[in-house]
Protein backbone atom coordinates (compact mmCIF):
# COMPACT_ATOMS: atom_id res chain seq x y z
CA MET A 1 128.63 169.72 40.24
CA ASN A 2 125.97 171.49 38.24
CA LYS A 3 125.09 174.99 39.35
CA LEU A 4 121.92 174.78 41.38
CA THR A 5 119.04 177.16 40.78
CA ASN A 6 117.79 176.96 44.37
CA LYS A 7 119.63 177.05 47.68
CA LEU A 8 118.63 173.65 49.03
CA GLU A 9 119.01 172.66 52.65
CA ILE A 10 119.18 168.90 53.19
CA GLU A 11 118.10 167.54 56.52
CA THR A 12 118.84 163.84 56.84
CA ALA A 13 116.57 161.38 58.59
CA ASP A 14 117.67 158.02 59.96
CA ALA A 15 115.34 155.06 60.34
CA GLN A 16 117.70 153.20 62.66
CA SER A 17 118.27 155.97 65.22
CA GLY A 18 114.98 157.77 64.63
CA VAL A 19 116.70 161.13 64.02
CA ASN A 20 114.27 163.37 62.08
CA LEU A 21 112.23 160.29 61.20
CA GLU A 22 108.90 161.79 62.34
CA LYS A 23 109.47 164.82 60.07
CA PHE A 24 110.34 162.53 57.19
CA LEU A 25 107.19 160.46 57.81
CA ASP A 26 105.05 163.62 57.90
CA VAL A 27 106.24 164.65 54.43
CA THR A 28 106.01 161.07 53.15
CA ALA A 29 102.40 160.84 54.32
CA GLU A 30 101.66 164.11 52.49
CA TYR A 31 103.31 162.69 49.35
CA PHE A 32 101.29 159.49 49.57
CA ARG A 33 98.00 161.35 50.26
CA GLU A 34 98.57 163.42 47.14
CA ASN A 35 99.71 160.62 44.85
CA TRP A 36 98.90 157.18 46.24
CA PRO A 37 96.29 157.41 49.00
CA GLN A 38 95.81 153.65 48.74
CA ASN A 39 99.32 153.20 50.23
CA LEU A 40 98.07 154.69 53.49
CA LYS A 41 95.21 152.20 53.75
CA GLY A 42 95.23 148.58 54.77
CA HIS A 43 97.39 149.05 57.86
CA LYS A 44 96.20 149.65 61.38
CA ASP A 45 99.08 152.03 61.89
CA TRP A 46 100.67 153.18 58.63
CA ARG A 47 103.47 155.07 60.41
CA ALA A 48 104.56 152.03 62.41
CA HIS A 49 104.38 149.82 59.32
CA TYR A 50 106.37 152.25 57.17
CA THR A 51 108.91 152.89 59.94
CA GLN A 52 109.58 149.15 60.16
CA TRP A 53 109.83 148.96 56.37
CA LEU A 54 112.43 151.77 56.38
CA LYS A 55 114.39 150.23 59.26
CA THR A 56 114.62 146.92 57.43
CA ARG A 57 115.75 148.57 54.22
CA SER A 58 118.19 150.97 55.89
CA LYS A 59 120.35 148.36 57.58
CA ASP A 60 123.07 148.30 54.91
CA GLY A 61 123.68 152.04 55.28
CA ARG A 62 123.30 152.97 51.61
CA ARG A 63 119.77 154.38 51.89
CA ARG A 64 119.40 158.12 52.26
CA LEU A 65 116.28 159.76 53.63
CA TRP A 66 116.28 163.47 52.96
CA ILE A 67 113.92 166.26 53.92
CA ILE A 68 114.55 169.09 51.48
CA LYS A 69 114.13 172.68 52.64
CA ILE A 70 114.40 176.07 50.99
CA GLY A 71 114.58 179.12 53.22
CA GLY A 72 113.77 176.93 56.23
CA LYS A 73 110.52 175.69 54.67
CA VAL A 74 110.02 172.03 53.74
CA ALA A 75 110.04 171.81 49.94
CA GLY A 76 110.04 168.03 49.50
CA LEU A 77 111.77 164.75 50.20
CA ALA A 78 113.99 162.12 48.68
CA ASN A 79 114.40 158.45 49.57
CA PHE A 80 117.12 156.80 47.51
CA TYR A 81 119.75 154.09 47.78
CA SER A 82 122.30 152.05 45.90
CA SER A 83 122.41 148.28 45.60
CA GLY A 84 124.50 145.58 44.05
CA PRO A 85 128.15 144.60 44.03
CA GLU A 86 130.98 147.05 43.43
CA HIS A 87 131.29 148.15 39.78
CA GLU A 88 127.72 146.97 39.11
CA ARG A 89 125.83 149.13 41.58
CA VAL A 90 122.42 150.50 40.68
CA GLY A 91 120.98 153.67 42.16
CA HIS A 92 117.30 153.62 43.02
CA VAL A 93 115.10 156.65 43.62
CA ALA A 94 112.37 155.14 45.79
CA GLU A 95 110.51 158.35 46.64
CA PHE A 96 110.93 161.81 45.24
CA TYR A 97 108.55 164.60 46.11
CA VAL A 98 108.40 168.34 45.62
CA ARG A 99 105.56 170.14 47.39
CA PRO A 100 103.13 171.89 45.01
CA ASP A 101 104.13 175.44 46.02
CA PHE A 102 107.79 174.68 45.12
CA ARG A 103 107.14 173.09 41.72
CA ARG A 104 108.10 174.58 38.37
CA ARG A 105 111.02 176.45 39.97
CA GLY A 106 113.83 173.99 39.22
CA VAL A 107 113.67 172.44 42.69
CA GLY A 108 113.20 168.89 41.38
CA GLN A 109 116.14 169.19 39.00
CA ASP A 110 118.30 170.58 41.80
CA ILE A 111 117.36 167.76 44.17
CA PHE A 112 118.07 165.17 41.51
CA SER A 113 121.43 166.78 40.71
CA ILE A 114 122.54 166.23 44.31
CA ILE A 115 121.09 162.70 44.39
CA ARG A 116 123.00 161.90 41.20
CA GLU A 117 126.26 163.12 42.77
CA GLU A 118 125.67 160.89 45.80
CA LEU A 119 124.95 157.85 43.63
CA VAL A 120 128.05 158.52 41.51
CA LYS A 121 130.07 158.51 44.78
CA ASP A 122 128.51 155.08 45.45
CA GLU A 123 129.91 154.02 42.04
CA CYS A 124 126.46 153.40 40.55
CA ARG A 125 126.44 152.66 36.85
CA ILE A 126 122.74 153.36 36.35
CA ILE A 127 119.94 155.13 38.24
CA LYS A 128 116.36 153.88 38.20
CA SER A 129 113.11 155.53 39.23
CA GLU A 130 109.74 153.83 39.06
CA VAL A 131 106.97 155.89 37.45
CA GLN A 132 103.46 154.78 36.59
CA PRO A 133 102.34 155.27 32.96
CA ASP A 134 99.29 157.22 34.13
CA GLU A 135 101.58 159.93 35.53
CA PRO A 136 102.57 161.94 32.44
CA GLY A 137 103.96 164.84 34.48
CA ARG A 138 106.33 162.54 36.33
CA MET A 139 107.23 160.69 33.15
CA ASN A 140 108.16 164.02 31.52
CA PHE A 141 110.19 165.09 34.55
CA TRP A 142 112.37 161.97 34.48
CA GLU A 143 112.63 161.92 30.67
CA ASN A 144 113.83 165.56 30.74
CA LEU A 145 116.62 164.39 33.06
CA GLY A 146 117.68 161.77 30.48
CA PHE A 147 115.82 158.72 31.81
CA LYS A 148 114.37 156.26 29.31
CA VAL A 149 111.51 153.80 29.71
CA GLU A 150 113.12 150.46 30.48
CA LYS A 151 110.24 148.11 31.11
CA VAL A 152 106.52 148.10 31.71
CA GLN A 153 105.13 146.61 34.86
CA MET A 154 101.74 144.91 34.73
CA ALA A 155 99.37 144.19 37.61
CA LEU A 156 96.22 142.19 38.19
CA ASP A 157 93.75 143.70 40.66
CA LEU A 158 92.35 140.72 42.55
CA THR A 159 89.72 142.89 44.24
CA ASP A 160 88.12 143.71 40.89
CA ASP A 161 85.64 140.98 40.02
CA GLY A 162 85.16 142.34 36.50
CA GLU A 163 81.48 143.20 36.95
CA GLU A 164 80.27 146.73 36.49
CA GLU A 165 77.87 148.14 39.01
């Protein structure tokens, strides 16, 4: 294990039992408001929708939902899992968030170091994290950890009619 810069406290949440799930959803909502506010729209009840999404994806038991604390204060979260058959497993970092007042202190690197250890225990051969190209700070973070751009995802916005107002 790499020596950690910060003394992290990991509080696990569980979508199936509901243990710490409300806390996890609170931090996730904060993360989405900061980065992808559109993810909170379009649902009558985002929390119920997201809870169901997590329950469905947590059934195999390989998904970890972590609330990260330092000195008893919430510093961020991690939502990651492994998939695939033995000896071909892939680790996926679905959500990774460090609160603004904990950034630039090595917290993100420390969180990822522990995630990596967990995914190695799962016998993952590769770890993936999705980052949008318009997020240079996030791109740099993952590249500094050794990640490389693997593919580019394209999207067509069907709500954009192409006319300027």
